[in-house]
């Protein structure tokens, strides 16, 4: 039930959201391991932090691969943002994006959230 609500709230498929969450936490873990590694003075602790750092980086790399596949499946191989489209297709898309940006440029500074 919660996963269905999550998809409705974010507009993102649960599988995509979950992969992004795991990728985020793996990158956070790698960053933390680097900090802990700098602080470590004991050889055994340093070795542990180095192993943990390597594991987190491997997990993040795998998460990036999976995210790319999940996003391609979501969009049928094309980007929802128009990335990777040919020039002839992106000409009109670029124009509509520019007009959207100019229409909404003043809305964020209004303070009504």
N, C-alpha and C. Protein backbone atom coordinates (compact mmCIF):
# COMPACT_ATOMS: atom_id res chain seq x y z
N UNK A 1 0.82 -1.19 0.00
CA UNK A 1 0.00 0.00 0.00
C UNK A 1 0.87 1.26 0.00
N UNK A 2 1.91 1.27 0.83
CA UNK A 2 2.78 2.43 0.92
C UNK A 2 3.50 2.67 -0.40
N UNK A 3 3.94 1.62 -1.08
CA UNK A 3 4.67 1.80 -2.33
C UNK A 3 3.77 2.38 -3.41
N UNK A 4 2.48 2.06 -3.42
CA UNK A 4 1.56 2.62 -4.38
C UNK A 4 1.38 4.12 -4.11
N UNK A 5 1.26 4.49 -2.86
CA UNK A 5 1.13 5.90 -2.50
C UNK A 5 2.38 6.67 -2.88
N UNK A 6 3.53 6.05 -2.68
CA UNK A 6 4.80 6.71 -3.00
C UNK A 6 4.86 7.04 -4.49
N UNK A 7 4.47 6.13 -5.33
CA UNK A 7 4.47 6.36 -6.77
C UNK A 7 3.53 7.49 -7.14
N UNK A 8 2.38 7.54 -6.50
CA UNK A 8 1.42 8.60 -6.78
C UNK A 8 1.92 9.94 -6.28
N UNK A 9 2.62 9.96 -5.17
CA UNK A 9 3.11 11.21 -4.60
C UNK A 9 4.27 11.80 -5.39
N UNK A 10 5.17 10.95 -5.86
CA UNK A 10 6.38 11.45 -6.52
C UNK A 10 6.27 11.48 -8.03
N UNK A 11 5.34 10.73 -8.60
CA UNK A 11 5.25 10.65 -10.05
C UNK A 11 6.33 9.77 -10.64
N UNK A 12 7.01 9.03 -9.81
CA UNK A 12 8.12 8.17 -10.22
C UNK A 12 7.78 6.74 -9.85
N UNK A 13 8.07 5.83 -10.78
CA UNK A 13 7.82 4.42 -10.47
C UNK A 13 8.61 4.01 -9.23
N UNK A 14 8.06 3.12 -8.44
CA UNK A 14 8.70 2.68 -7.21
C UNK A 14 10.07 2.07 -7.47
N UNK A 15 10.18 1.28 -8.51
CA UNK A 15 11.46 0.65 -8.81
C UNK A 15 12.53 1.70 -9.09
N UNK A 16 12.19 2.72 -9.84
CA UNK A 16 13.13 3.81 -10.13
C UNK A 16 13.51 4.53 -8.85
N UNK A 17 12.51 4.87 -8.06
CA UNK A 17 12.74 5.57 -6.80
C UNK A 17 13.65 4.75 -5.89
N UNK A 18 13.39 3.46 -5.80
CA UNK A 18 14.18 2.59 -4.92
C UNK A 18 15.62 2.49 -5.37
N UNK A 19 15.86 2.39 -6.67
CA UNK A 19 17.23 2.33 -7.18
C UNK A 19 17.95 3.63 -6.87
N UNK A 20 17.26 4.75 -7.06
CA UNK A 20 17.86 6.05 -6.74
C UNK A 20 18.21 6.14 -5.26
N UNK A 21 17.33 5.64 -4.41
CA UNK A 21 17.57 5.68 -2.97
C UNK A 21 18.80 4.85 -2.59
N UNK A 22 18.91 3.66 -3.15
CA UNK A 22 20.07 2.81 -2.85
C UNK A 22 21.35 3.45 -3.38
N UNK A 23 21.30 4.01 -4.57
CA UNK A 23 22.46 4.69 -5.15
C UNK A 23 22.89 5.86 -4.26
N UNK A 24 21.93 6.64 -3.83
CA UNK A 24 22.22 7.77 -2.95
C UNK A 24 22.92 7.31 -1.67
N UNK A 25 22.38 6.28 -1.06
CA UNK A 25 22.95 5.80 0.21
C UNK A 25 24.32 5.16 0.01
N UNK A 26 24.55 4.52 -1.13
CA UNK A 26 25.87 3.97 -1.41
C UNK A 26 26.89 5.10 -1.57
N UNK A 27 26.50 6.16 -2.26
CA UNK A 27 27.40 7.31 -2.42
C UNK A 27 27.65 8.00 -1.08
N UNK A 28 26.61 8.11 -0.26
CA UNK A 28 26.76 8.67 1.08
C UNK A 28 27.69 7.81 1.91
N UNK A 29 27.54 6.49 1.81
CA UNK A 29 28.40 5.56 2.54
C UNK A 29 29.85 5.69 2.12
N UNK A 30 30.08 5.83 0.82
CA UNK A 30 31.45 6.00 0.33
C UNK A 30 32.06 7.29 0.87
N UNK A 31 31.28 8.34 0.88
CA UNK A 31 31.76 9.62 1.42
C UNK A 31 32.11 9.48 2.90
N UNK A 32 31.25 8.82 3.65
CA UNK A 32 31.51 8.61 5.08
C UNK A 32 32.77 7.77 5.28
N UNK A 33 32.93 6.71 4.49
CA UNK A 33 34.11 5.86 4.61
C UNK A 33 35.40 6.64 4.36
N UNK A 34 35.35 7.58 3.42
CA UNK A 34 36.54 8.41 3.16
C UNK A 34 36.88 9.26 4.38
N UNK A 35 35.88 9.80 5.02
CA UNK A 35 36.10 10.60 6.23
C UNK A 35 36.67 9.73 7.33
N UNK A 36 36.07 8.54 7.53
CA UNK A 36 36.53 7.64 8.58
C UNK A 36 37.95 7.16 8.30
N UNK A 37 38.26 6.96 7.03
CA UNK A 37 39.59 6.51 6.64
C UNK A 37 40.64 7.56 6.99
N UNK A 38 40.32 8.82 6.79
CA UNK A 38 41.24 9.90 7.14
C UNK A 38 41.49 9.95 8.64
N UNK A 39 40.46 9.63 9.42
CA UNK A 39 40.56 9.69 10.88
C UNK A 39 41.23 8.45 11.48
N UNK A 40 41.24 7.36 10.72
CA UNK A 40 41.73 6.08 11.27
C UNK A 40 43.24 6.11 11.47
N UNK A 41 43.67 5.63 12.62
CA UNK A 41 45.10 5.56 12.91
C UNK A 41 45.55 4.11 13.01
N UNK A 42 44.66 3.24 13.42
CA UNK A 42 44.99 1.83 13.58
C UNK A 42 44.98 1.13 12.23
N UNK A 43 45.93 0.25 12.00
CA UNK A 43 46.04 -0.47 10.74
C UNK A 43 44.83 -1.32 10.44
N UNK A 44 44.29 -1.99 11.44
CA UNK A 44 43.14 -2.84 11.24
C UNK A 44 41.89 -2.02 10.90
N UNK A 45 41.71 -0.91 11.57
CA UNK A 45 40.57 -0.05 11.30
C UNK A 45 40.70 0.57 9.90
N UNK A 46 41.90 1.02 9.55
CA UNK A 46 42.12 1.58 8.21
C UNK A 46 41.78 0.57 7.13
N UNK A 47 42.20 -0.66 7.32
CA UNK A 47 41.93 -1.72 6.34
C UNK A 47 40.42 -1.93 6.21
N UNK A 48 39.73 -1.94 7.34
CA UNK A 48 38.28 -2.10 7.32
C UNK A 48 37.61 -0.97 6.56
N UNK A 49 38.01 0.28 6.82
CA UNK A 49 37.42 1.42 6.14
C UNK A 49 37.72 1.40 4.65
N UNK A 50 38.91 0.96 4.28
CA UNK A 50 39.26 0.85 2.86
C UNK A 50 38.39 -0.19 2.17
N UNK A 51 38.16 -1.33 2.82
CA UNK A 51 37.29 -2.36 2.26
C UNK A 51 35.86 -1.85 2.14
N UNK A 52 35.40 -1.16 3.17
CA UNK A 52 34.04 -0.62 3.15
C UNK A 52 33.90 0.42 2.04
N UNK A 53 34.90 1.26 1.86
CA UNK A 53 34.90 2.27 0.81
C UNK A 53 34.82 1.60 -0.56
N UNK A 54 35.61 0.59 -0.77
CA UNK A 54 35.60 -0.14 -2.04
C UNK A 54 34.23 -0.77 -2.29
N UNK A 55 33.65 -1.37 -1.27
CA UNK A 55 32.34 -1.99 -1.41
C UNK A 55 31.26 -0.96 -1.75
N UNK A 56 31.30 0.18 -1.08
CA UNK A 56 30.32 1.23 -1.35
C UNK A 56 30.46 1.78 -2.77
N UNK A 57 31.69 1.94 -3.23
CA UNK A 57 31.92 2.42 -4.60
C UNK A 57 31.42 1.41 -5.62
N UNK A 58 31.67 0.12 -5.36
CA UNK A 58 31.19 -0.91 -6.27
C UNK A 58 29.66 -0.93 -6.31
N UNK A 59 29.06 -0.80 -5.15
CA UNK A 59 27.60 -0.76 -5.07
C UNK A 59 27.05 0.45 -5.83
N UNK A 60 27.69 1.60 -5.67
CA UNK A 60 27.25 2.81 -6.38
C UNK A 60 27.41 2.64 -7.89
N UNK A 61 28.51 2.06 -8.33
CA UNK A 61 28.71 1.84 -9.76
C UNK A 61 27.64 0.92 -10.33
N UNK A 62 27.32 -0.12 -9.60
CA UNK A 62 26.27 -1.05 -10.03
C UNK A 62 24.91 -0.35 -10.02
N UNK A 63 24.68 0.48 -9.03
CA UNK A 63 23.43 1.24 -8.96
C UNK A 63 23.27 2.18 -10.14
N UNK A 64 24.35 2.79 -10.59
CA UNK A 64 24.30 3.67 -11.76
C UNK A 64 23.91 2.88 -13.01
N UNK A 65 24.47 1.70 -13.15
CA UNK A 65 24.13 0.84 -14.29
C UNK A 65 22.66 0.46 -14.26
N UNK A 66 22.20 0.04 -13.10
CA UNK A 66 20.81 -0.38 -12.95
C UNK A 66 19.87 0.80 -13.19
N UNK A 67 20.22 1.96 -12.67
CA UNK A 67 19.38 3.15 -12.85
C UNK A 67 19.25 3.49 -14.33
N UNK A 68 20.34 3.41 -15.05
CA UNK A 68 20.29 3.68 -16.48
C UNK A 68 19.33 2.70 -17.18
N UNK A 69 19.40 1.43 -16.83
CA UNK A 69 18.51 0.44 -17.43
C UNK A 69 17.05 0.70 -17.05
N UNK A 70 16.81 1.01 -15.79
CA UNK A 70 15.45 1.26 -15.32
C UNK A 70 14.86 2.48 -16.03
N UNK A 71 15.66 3.52 -16.16
CA UNK A 71 15.17 4.73 -16.84
C UNK A 71 14.90 4.46 -18.31
N UNK A 72 15.73 3.66 -18.95
CA UNK A 72 15.49 3.32 -20.35
C UNK A 72 14.20 2.52 -20.48
N UNK A 73 13.94 1.62 -19.55
CA UNK A 73 12.70 0.84 -19.58
C UNK A 73 11.49 1.74 -19.35
N UNK A 74 11.63 2.72 -18.47
CA UNK A 74 10.53 3.65 -18.18
C UNK A 74 10.13 4.47 -19.39
N UNK A 75 11.11 4.83 -20.20
CA UNK A 75 10.86 5.75 -21.30
C UNK A 75 10.92 5.08 -22.66
N UNK A 76 11.04 3.77 -22.70
CA UNK A 76 11.11 3.06 -23.96
C UNK A 76 12.41 3.29 -24.70
N UNK A 77 13.46 3.61 -23.97
CA UNK A 77 14.78 3.82 -24.57
C UNK A 77 15.10 5.27 -24.86
N UNK A 78 14.11 6.15 -24.77
CA UNK A 78 14.38 7.57 -24.97
C UNK A 78 14.22 8.28 -23.64
N UNK A 79 14.88 9.38 -23.50
CA UNK A 79 14.85 10.11 -22.25
C UNK A 79 13.55 10.89 -22.12
N UNK A 80 13.04 10.92 -20.92
CA UNK A 80 11.85 11.73 -20.64
C UNK A 80 12.16 13.21 -20.78
N UNK A 81 13.44 13.57 -20.74
CA UNK A 81 13.86 14.97 -20.83
C UNK A 81 14.31 15.35 -22.23
N UNK A 82 14.24 14.39 -23.18
CA UNK A 82 14.66 14.68 -24.54
C UNK A 82 16.14 14.44 -24.78
N UNK A 83 16.85 13.90 -23.79
CA UNK A 83 18.27 13.63 -23.98
C UNK A 83 18.43 12.52 -24.99
N UNK A 84 19.38 12.65 -25.87
CA UNK A 84 19.68 11.60 -26.83
C UNK A 84 18.79 11.63 -28.05
N UNK A 85 17.90 12.61 -28.18
CA UNK A 85 17.07 12.73 -29.37
C UNK A 85 17.87 13.40 -30.47
N UNK A 86 17.47 13.15 -31.70
CA UNK A 86 18.16 13.76 -32.83
C UNK A 86 17.89 15.26 -32.87
N UNK A 87 18.71 16.01 -33.60
CA UNK A 87 18.56 17.44 -33.70
C UNK A 87 17.19 17.83 -34.25
N UNK A 88 16.70 17.10 -35.26
CA UNK A 88 15.43 17.47 -35.87
C UNK A 88 14.28 17.34 -34.88
N UNK A 89 14.37 16.37 -33.97
CA UNK A 89 13.31 16.19 -32.98
C UNK A 89 13.44 17.19 -31.85
N UNK A 90 14.66 17.56 -31.50
CA UNK A 90 14.85 18.42 -30.34
C UNK A 90 14.63 19.89 -30.65
N UNK A 91 14.55 20.26 -31.92
CA UNK A 91 14.33 21.65 -32.27
C UNK A 91 13.05 22.19 -31.67
N UNK A 92 11.94 21.51 -31.89
CA UNK A 92 10.67 21.98 -31.33
C UNK A 92 10.63 21.76 -29.83
N UNK A 93 11.27 20.70 -29.34
CA UNK A 93 11.30 20.44 -27.91
C UNK A 93 12.05 21.55 -27.20
N UNK A 94 13.17 21.97 -27.76
CA UNK A 94 13.95 23.04 -27.15
C UNK A 94 13.18 24.32 -27.06
N UNK A 95 12.37 24.60 -28.10
CA UNK A 95 11.58 25.82 -28.10
C UNK A 95 10.52 25.77 -27.00
N UNK A 96 9.85 24.65 -26.86
CA UNK A 96 8.83 24.56 -25.82
C UNK A 96 9.44 24.61 -24.43
N UNK A 97 10.65 24.04 -24.27
CA UNK A 97 11.31 24.10 -22.97
C UNK A 97 11.68 25.54 -22.64
N UNK A 98 12.14 26.30 -23.65
CA UNK A 98 12.50 27.69 -23.42
C UNK A 98 11.28 28.51 -23.02
N UNK A 99 10.17 28.30 -23.72
CA UNK A 99 8.98 29.05 -23.39
C UNK A 99 8.46 28.66 -22.01
N UNK A 100 8.57 27.38 -21.65
CA UNK A 100 8.17 26.94 -20.32
C UNK A 100 9.02 27.62 -19.26
N UNK A 101 10.32 27.68 -19.50
CA UNK A 101 11.23 28.30 -18.54
C UNK A 101 10.91 29.78 -18.37
N UNK A 102 10.63 30.47 -19.47
CA UNK A 102 10.35 31.90 -19.36
C UNK A 102 9.00 32.15 -18.71
N UNK A 103 8.02 31.27 -18.95
CA UNK A 103 6.71 31.42 -18.32
C UNK A 103 6.79 31.23 -16.82
N UNK A 104 7.66 30.34 -16.37
CA UNK A 104 7.73 29.99 -14.96
C UNK A 104 8.88 30.69 -14.23
N UNK A 105 9.60 31.56 -14.89
CA UNK A 105 10.78 32.17 -14.29
C UNK A 105 10.44 32.99 -13.05
N UNK A 106 9.36 33.72 -13.06
CA UNK A 106 9.02 34.57 -11.93
C UNK A 106 8.23 33.86 -10.84
N UNK A 107 7.78 32.66 -11.09
CA UNK A 107 6.90 32.00 -10.13
C UNK A 107 7.62 31.54 -8.88
N UNK A 108 8.89 31.17 -8.97
CA UNK A 108 9.58 30.66 -7.80
C UNK A 108 9.97 31.76 -6.83
N UNK A 109 10.08 33.01 -7.31
CA UNK A 109 10.51 34.08 -6.41
C UNK A 109 9.34 34.70 -5.65
N UNK A 110 8.12 34.28 -5.94
CA UNK A 110 6.95 34.87 -5.30
C UNK A 110 6.81 34.52 -3.84
N UNK A 111 7.35 33.41 -3.41
CA UNK A 111 7.29 33.03 -2.02
C UNK A 111 6.02 32.27 -1.63
N UNK A 112 5.13 32.03 -2.55
CA UNK A 112 3.91 31.28 -2.24
C UNK A 112 4.16 29.80 -2.49
N UNK A 113 4.39 29.07 -1.43
CA UNK A 113 4.65 27.63 -1.56
C UNK A 113 3.62 26.84 -0.87
